[in-house]
Amino acid sequence: MIDEVKKIIDEIRPNLQADGGGIELIDVADGVVKVKLTGACAGCPMSQMTLKMGVERYLKTKLPGIKRVDAI
C-alpha cells in the first residue's frame, strides 16, 4: 500500500508547492498515513485544514483502506 500512497502524494505535492509548501510521506501502517508538512505548510495555521480536507480526503477517495492522515 505504501507505493500507492507515494504515487498519490506525488499527485498532491504540486498543489502544496504552488503555495510554498511541501509534503513528505513518513509511514503507512494499519490504514494510517503519517506525513510531514514542510515549507510554508509547516507553520501555516491552515495546515490542519489542508491535511484533513485536502490530503486525507483525496487519499481516502483513491484508496478506501485509508482511515486517516496524521502530520508528525
PDB file of N, CA and C in Angstrom:
ATOM      1  N   MET A   1       0.820  -1.198   0.000  1.00  0.00           N
ATOM      2  CA  MET A   1       0.000   0.000   0.000  1.00  0.00           C
ATOM      3  C   MET A   1       0.865   1.264   0.000  1.00  0.00           C
ATOM      4  N   ILE A   2       2.073   1.166   0.542  1.00  0.00           N
ATOM      5  CA  ILE A   2       2.919   2.361   0.629  1.00  0.00           C
ATOM      6  C   ILE A   2       3.249   2.925  -0.752  1.00  0.00           C
ATOM      7  N   ASP A   3       3.418   2.054  -1.743  1.00  0.00           N
ATOM      8  CA  ASP A   3       3.719   2.539  -3.093  1.00  0.00           C
ATOM      9  C   ASP A   3       2.548   3.311  -3.684  1.00  0.00           C
ATOM     10  N   GLU A   4       1.334   2.822  -3.439  1.00  0.00           N
ATOM     11  CA  GLU A   4       0.154   3.532  -3.932  1.00  0.00           C
ATOM     12  C   GLU A   4       0.026   4.897  -3.259  1.00  0.00           C
ATOM     13  N   VAL A   5       0.282   4.950  -1.953  1.00  0.00           N
ATOM     14  CA  VAL A   5       0.211   6.225  -1.227  1.00  0.00           C
ATOM     15  C   VAL A   5       1.269   7.187  -1.759  1.00  0.00           C
ATOM     16  N   LYS A   6       2.482   6.688  -2.021  1.00  0.00           N
ATOM     17  CA  LYS A   6       3.543   7.546  -2.571  1.00  0.00           C
ATOM     18  C   LYS A   6       3.108   8.179  -3.887  1.00  0.00           C
ATOM     19  N   LYS A   7       2.484   7.394  -4.752  1.00  0.00           N
ATOM     20  CA  LYS A   7       2.036   7.916  -6.050  1.00  0.00           C
ATOM     21  C   LYS A   7       0.989   9.012  -5.867  1.00  0.00           C
ATOM     22  N   ILE A   8       0.089   8.810  -4.936  1.00  0.00           N
ATOM     23  CA  ILE A   8      -0.966   9.809  -4.700  1.00  0.00           C
ATOM     24  C   ILE A   8      -0.380  11.068  -4.060  1.00  0.00           C
ATOM     25  N   ILE A   9       0.556  10.901  -3.147  1.00  0.00           N
ATOM     26  CA  ILE A   9       1.243  12.061  -2.545  1.00  0.00           C
ATOM     27  C   ILE A   9       1.952  12.861  -3.647  1.00  0.00           C
ATOM     28  N   ASP A  10       2.535  12.152  -4.609  1.00  0.00           N
ATOM     29  CA  ASP A  10       3.202  12.835  -5.725  1.00  0.00           C
ATOM     30  C   ASP A  10       2.208  13.641  -6.557  1.00  0.00           C
ATOM     31  N   GLU A  11       0.954  13.175  -6.625  1.00  0.00           N
ATOM     32  CA  GLU A  11      -0.086  13.930  -7.340  1.00  0.00           C
ATOM     33  C   GLU A  11      -0.471  15.198  -6.576  1.00  0.00           C
ATOM     34  N   ILE A  12      -0.451  15.109  -5.256  1.00  0.00           N
ATOM     35  CA  ILE A  12      -0.860  16.228  -4.394  1.00  0.00           C
ATOM     36  C   ILE A  12       0.232  17.281  -4.260  1.00  0.00           C
ATOM     37  N   ARG A  13       1.479  16.835  -4.249  1.00  0.00           N
ATOM     38  CA  ARG A  13       2.629  17.702  -3.962  1.00  0.00           C
ATOM     39  C   ARG A  13       2.647  19.004  -4.765  1.00  0.00           C
ATOM     40  N   PRO A  14       2.402  18.999  -6.089  1.00  0.00           N
ATOM     41  CA  PRO A  14       2.462  20.266  -6.839  1.00  0.00           C
ATOM     42  C   PRO A  14       1.493  21.333  -6.328  1.00  0.00           C
ATOM     43  N   ASN A  15       0.342  20.912  -5.814  1.00  0.00           N
ATOM     44  CA  ASN A  15      -0.618  21.883  -5.260  1.00  0.00           C
ATOM     45  C   ASN A  15      -0.054  22.568  -4.022  1.00  0.00           C
ATOM     46  N   LEU A  16       0.618  21.811  -3.184  1.00  0.00           N
ATOM     47  CA  LEU A  16       1.226  22.396  -1.986  1.00  0.00           C
ATOM     48  C   LEU A  16       2.429  23.267  -2.355  1.00  0.00           C
ATOM     49  N   GLN A  17       3.208  22.805  -3.326  1.00  0.00           N
ATOM     50  CA  GLN A  17       4.387  23.569  -3.753  1.00  0.00           C
ATOM     51  C   GLN A  17       3.993  24.904  -4.365  1.00  0.00           C
ATOM     52  N   ALA A  18       2.838  24.966  -4.976  1.00  0.00           N
ATOM     53  CA  ALA A  18       2.368  26.221  -5.567  1.00  0.00           C
ATOM     54  C   ALA A  18       2.192  27.307  -4.515  1.00  0.00           C
ATOM     55  N   ASP A  19       1.955  26.893  -3.264  1.00  0.00           N
ATOM     56  CA  ASP A  19       1.802  27.844  -2.164  1.00  0.00           C
ATOM     57  C   ASP A  19       3.046  27.911  -1.280  1.00  0.00           C
ATOM     58  N   GLY A  20       4.158  27.345  -1.749  1.00  0.00           N
ATOM     59  CA  GLY A  20       5.405  27.406  -0.996  1.00  0.00           C
ATOM     60  C   GLY A  20       5.577  26.302   0.028  1.00  0.00           C
ATOM     61  N   GLY A  21       4.696  25.307  -0.006  1.00  0.00           N
ATOM     62  CA  GLY A  21       4.765  24.211   0.962  1.00  0.00           C
ATOM     63  C   GLY A  21       5.220  22.910   0.337  1.00  0.00           C
ATOM     64  N   GLY A  22       5.156  21.871   1.128  1.00  0.00           N
ATOM     65  CA  GLY A  22       5.524  20.558   0.647  1.00  0.00           C
ATOM     66  C   GLY A  22       5.017  19.491   1.596  1.00  0.00           C
ATOM     67  N   ILE A  23       5.196  18.241   1.172  1.00  0.00           N
ATOM     68  CA  ILE A  23       4.737  17.110   1.976  1.00  0.00           C
ATOM     69  C   ILE A  23       5.681  15.934   1.761  1.00  0.00           C
ATOM     70  N   GLU A  24       6.003  15.254   2.850  1.00  0.00           N
ATOM     71  CA  GLU A  24       6.844  14.063   2.795  1.00  0.00           C
ATOM     72  C   GLU A  24       6.085  12.911   3.425  1.00  0.00           C
ATOM     73  N   LEU A  25       6.090  11.770   2.755  1.00  0.00           N
ATOM     74  CA  LEU A  25       5.479  10.572   3.322  1.00  0.00           C
ATOM     75  C   LEU A  25       6.456   9.957   4.311  1.00  0.00           C
ATOM     76  N   ILE A  26       5.997   9.716   5.527  1.00  0.00           N
ATOM     77  CA  ILE A  26       6.831   9.129   6.569  1.00  0.00           C
ATOM     78  C   ILE A  26       6.546   7.643   6.715  1.00  0.00           C
ATOM     79  N   ASP A  27       5.259   7.267   6.813  1.00  0.00           N
ATOM     80  CA  ASP A  27       4.921   5.860   7.047  1.00  0.00           C
ATOM     81  C   ASP A  27       3.459   5.606   6.716  1.00  0.00           C
ATOM     82  N   VAL A  28       3.160   4.346   6.437  1.00  0.00           N
ATOM     83  CA  VAL A  28       1.791   3.895   6.266  1.00  0.00           C
ATOM     84  C   VAL A  28       1.656   2.604   7.065  1.00  0.00           C
ATOM     85  N   ALA A  29       0.728   2.566   8.014  1.00  0.00           N
ATOM     86  CA  ALA A  29       0.524   1.364   8.828  1.00  0.00           C
ATOM     87  C   ALA A  29      -0.929   1.283   9.277  1.00  0.00           C
ATOM     88  N   ASP A  30      -1.541   0.149   9.054  1.00  0.00           N
ATOM     89  CA  ASP A  30      -2.918  -0.096   9.501  1.00  0.00           C
ATOM     90  C   ASP A  30      -3.892   0.980   9.026  1.00  0.00           C
ATOM     91  N   GLY A  31      -3.722   1.445   7.795  1.00  0.00           N
ATOM     92  CA  GLY A  31      -4.622   2.440   7.238  1.00  0.00           C
ATOM     93  C   GLY A  31      -4.365   3.864   7.681  1.00  0.00           C
ATOM     94  N   VAL A  32      -3.311   4.067   8.470  1.00  0.00           N
ATOM     95  CA  VAL A  32      -2.956   5.412   8.931  1.00  0.00           C
ATOM     96  C   VAL A  32      -1.716   5.879   8.178  1.00  0.00           C
ATOM     97  N   VAL A  33      -1.855   7.006   7.511  1.00  0.00           N
ATOM     98  CA  VAL A  33      -0.752   7.595   6.751  1.00  0.00           C
ATOM     99  C   VAL A  33      -0.139   8.697   7.603  1.00  0.00           C
ATOM    100  N   LYS A  34       1.181   8.642   7.767  1.00  0.00           N
ATOM    101  CA  LYS A  34       1.894   9.684   8.509  1.00  0.00           C
ATOM    102  C   LYS A  34       2.721  10.489   7.522  1.00  0.00           C
ATOM    103  N   VAL A  35       2.538  11.795   7.573  1.00  0.00           N
ATOM    104  CA  VAL A  35       3.242  12.697   6.674  1.00  0.00           C
ATOM    105  C   VAL A  35       3.880  13.828   7.470  1.00  0.00           C
ATOM    106  N   LYS A  36       4.826  14.479   6.842  1.00  0.00           N
ATOM    107  CA  LYS A  36       5.439  15.671   7.405  1.00  0.00           C
ATOM    108  C   LYS A  36       5.179  16.808   6.424  1.00  0.00           C
ATOM    109  N   LEU A  37       4.554  17.858   6.910  1.00  0.00           N
ATOM    110  CA  LEU A  37       4.340  19.044   6.091  1.00  0.00           C
ATOM    111  C   LEU A  37       5.586  19.909   6.184  1.00  0.00           C
ATOM    112  N   THR A  38       6.041  20.427   5.061  1.00  0.00           N
ATOM    113  CA  THR A  38       7.284  21.191   5.008  1.00  0.00           C
ATOM    114  C   THR A  38       7.043  22.557   4.372  1.00  0.00           C
ATOM    115  N   GLY A  39       8.072  23.366   4.393  1.00  0.00           N
ATOM    116  CA  GLY A  39       7.991  24.691   3.793  1.00  0.00           C
ATOM    117  C   GLY A  39       6.942  25.543   4.480  1.00  0.00           C
ATOM    118  N   ALA A  40       6.204  26.314   3.685  1.00  0.00           N
ATOM    119  CA  ALA A  40       5.186  27.204   4.232  1.00  0.00           C
ATOM    120  C   ALA A  40       4.080  26.434   4.960  1.00  0.00           C
ATOM    121  N   CYS A  41       3.859  25.180   4.586  1.00  0.00           N
ATOM    122  CA  CYS A  41       2.809  24.379   5.234  1.00  0.00           C
ATOM    123  C   CYS A  41       3.159  24.044   6.683  1.00  0.00           C
ATOM    124  N   ALA A  42       4.437  23.969   6.999  1.00  0.00           N
ATOM    125  CA  ALA A  42       4.864  23.552   8.334  1.00  0.00           C
ATOM    126  C   ALA A  42       4.359  24.488   9.425  1.00  0.00           C
ATOM    127  N   GLY A  43       4.308  25.774   9.170  1.00  0.00           N
ATOM    128  CA  GLY A  43       3.889  26.705  10.207  1.00  0.00           C
ATOM    129  C   GLY A  43       2.566  27.394   9.920  1.00  0.00           C
ATOM    130  N   CYS A  44       1.904  26.963   8.887  1.00  0.00           N
ATOM    131  CA  CYS A  44       0.670  27.627   8.465  1.00  0.00           C
ATOM    132  C   CYS A  44      -0.493  27.264   9.378  1.00  0.00           C
ATOM    133  N   PRO A  45      -1.271  28.260   9.805  1.00  0.00           N
ATOM    134  CA  PRO A  45      -2.428  27.965  10.647  1.00  0.00           C
ATOM    135  C   PRO A  45      -3.500  27.145   9.922  1.00  0.00           C
ATOM    136  N   MET A  46      -3.467  27.126   8.610  1.00  0.00           N
ATOM    137  CA  MET A  46      -4.442  26.365   7.828  1.00  0.00           C
ATOM    138  C   MET A  46      -3.964  24.951   7.509  1.00  0.00           C
ATOM    139  N   SER A  47      -2.813  24.560   8.037  1.00  0.00           N
ATOM    140  CA  SER A  47      -2.238  23.263   7.669  1.00  0.00           C
ATOM    141  C   SER A  47      -3.128  22.083   8.055  1.00  0.00           C
ATOM    142  N   GLN A  48      -3.821  22.157   9.182  1.00  0.00           N
ATOM    143  CA  GLN A  48      -4.706  21.051   9.570  1.00  0.00           C
ATOM    144  C   GLN A  48      -5.887  20.928   8.613  1.00  0.00           C
ATOM    145  N   MET A  49      -6.382  22.058   8.150  1.00  0.00           N
ATOM    146  CA  MET A  49      -7.470  22.007   7.176  1.00  0.00           C
ATOM    147  C   MET A  49      -6.962  21.430   5.855  1.00  0.00           C
ATOM    148  N   THR A  50      -5.792  21.857   5.440  1.00  0.00           N
ATOM    149  CA  THR A  50      -5.192  21.312   4.223  1.00  0.00           C
ATOM    150  C   THR A  50      -5.001  19.812   4.358  1.00  0.00           C
ATOM    151  N   LEU A  51      -4.518  19.386   5.517  1.00  0.00           N
ATOM    152  CA  LEU A  51      -4.258  17.974   5.757  1.00  0.00           C
ATOM    153  C   LEU A  51      -5.545  17.160   5.723  1.00  0.00           C
ATOM    154  N   LYS A  52      -6.554  17.580   6.468  1.00  0.00           N
ATOM    155  CA  LYS A  52      -7.786  16.800   6.596  1.00  0.00           C
ATOM    156  C   LYS A  52      -8.725  16.952   5.400  1.00  0.00           C
ATOM    157  N   MET A  53      -8.947  18.168   4.944  1.00  0.00           N
ATOM    158  CA  MET A  53      -9.906  18.406   3.865  1.00  0.00           C
ATOM    159  C   MET A  53      -9.296  18.232   2.475  1.00  0.00           C
ATOM    160  N   GLY A  54      -7.987  18.272   2.405  1.00  0.00           N
ATOM    161  CA  GLY A  54      -7.323  18.106   1.114  1.00  0.00           C
ATOM    162  C   GLY A  54      -6.663  16.747   0.987  1.00  0.00           C
ATOM    163  N   VAL A  55      -5.564  16.573   1.703  1.00  0.00           N
ATOM    164  CA  VAL A  55      -4.752  15.371   1.584  1.00  0.00           C
ATOM    165  C   VAL A  55      -5.529  14.122   2.015  1.00  0.00           C
ATOM    166  N   GLU A  56      -6.104  14.150   3.203  1.00  0.00           N
ATOM    167  CA  GLU A  56      -6.816  12.974   3.715  1.00  0.00           C
ATOM    168  C   GLU A  56      -8.015  12.626   2.837  1.00  0.00           C
ATOM    169  N   ARG A  57      -8.791  13.609   2.486  1.00  0.00           N
ATOM    170  CA  ARG A  57      -9.983  13.365   1.652  1.00  0.00           C
ATOM    171  C   ARG A  57      -9.588  12.749   0.307  1.00  0.00           C
ATOM    172  N   TYR A  58      -8.548  13.283  -0.321  1.00  0.00           N
ATOM    173  CA  TYR A  58      -8.107  12.776  -1.620  1.00  0.00           C
ATOM    174  C   TYR A  58      -7.585  11.340  -1.498  1.00  0.00           C
ATOM    175  N   LEU A  59      -6.775  11.083  -0.471  1.00  0.00           N
ATOM    176  CA  LEU A  59      -6.254   9.728  -0.276  1.00  0.00           C
ATOM    177  C   LEU A  59      -7.381   8.729  -0.028  1.00  0.00           C
ATOM    178  N   LYS A  60      -8.352   9.092   0.771  1.00  0.00           N
ATOM    179  CA  LYS A  60      -9.474   8.193   1.051  1.00  0.00           C
ATOM    180  C   LYS A  60     -10.291   7.909  -0.211  1.00  0.00           C
ATOM    181  N   THR A  61     -10.401   8.896  -1.077  1.00  0.00           N
ATOM    182  CA  THR A  61     -11.120   8.708  -2.344  1.00  0.00           C
ATOM    183  C   THR A  61     -10.389   7.707  -3.234  1.00  0.00           C
ATOM    184  N   LYS A  62      -9.073   7.835  -3.284  1.00  0.00           N
ATOM    185  CA  LYS A  62      -8.262   6.983  -4.157  1.00  0.00           C
ATOM    186  C   LYS A  62      -8.009   5.601  -3.557  1.00  0.00           C
ATOM    187  N   LEU A  63      -7.866   5.541  -2.234  1.00  0.00           N
ATOM    188  CA  LEU A  63      -7.567   4.283  -1.538  1.00  0.00           C
ATOM    189  C   LEU A  63      -8.528   4.118  -0.360  1.00  0.00           C
ATOM    190  N   PRO A  64      -9.619   3.390  -0.546  1.00  0.00           N
ATOM    191  CA  PRO A  64     -10.617   3.250   0.511  1.00  0.00           C
ATOM    192  C   PRO A  64     -10.088   2.644   1.817  1.00  0.00           C
ATOM    193  N   GLY A  65      -8.946   1.984   1.802  1.00  0.00           N
ATOM    194  CA  GLY A  65      -8.388   1.394   3.014  1.00  0.00           C
ATOM    195  C   GLY A  65      -7.742   2.398   3.953  1.00  0.00           C
ATOM    196  N   ILE A  66      -7.624   3.649   3.524  1.00  0.00           N
ATOM    197  CA  ILE A  66      -7.020   4.678   4.362  1.00  0.00           C
ATOM    198  C   ILE A  66      -8.040   5.137   5.396  1.00  0.00           C
ATOM    199  N   LYS A  67      -7.636   5.117   6.673  1.00  0.00           N
ATOM    200  CA  LYS A  67      -8.503   5.535   7.771  1.00  0.00           C
ATOM    201  C   LYS A  67      -8.329   7.012   8.084  1.00  0.00           C
ATOM    202  N   ARG A  68      -7.045   7.443   8.129  1.00  0.00           N
ATOM    203  CA  ARG A  68      -6.778   8.854   8.431  1.00  0.00           C
ATOM    204  C   ARG A  68      -5.365   9.210   8.012  1.00  0.00           C
ATOM    205  N   VAL A  69      -5.107  10.512   7.999  1.00  0.00           N
ATOM    206  CA  VAL A  69      -3.767  11.033   7.722  1.00  0.00           C
ATOM    207  C   VAL A  69      -3.356  11.895   8.904  1.00  0.00           C
ATOM    208  N   ASP A  70      -2.188  11.620   9.456  1.00  0.00           N
ATOM    209  CA  ASP A  70      -1.668  12.378  10.592  1.00  0.00           C
ATOM    210  C   ASP A  70      -0.385  13.089  10.195  1.00  0.00           C
ATOM    211  N   ALA A  71      -0.237  14.317  10.660  1.00  0.00           N
ATOM    212  CA  ALA A  71       1.023  15.046  10.474  1.00  0.00           C
ATOM    213  C   ALA A  71       1.889  14.813  11.697  1.00  0.00           C
ATOM    214  N   ILE A  72       3.156  14.601  11.461  1.00  0.00           N
ATOM    215  CA  ILE A  72       4.083  14.424  12.593  1.00  0.00           C
ATOM    216  C   ILE A  72       5.111  15.522  12.593  1.00  0.00           C
TER     217      ILE A  72
END
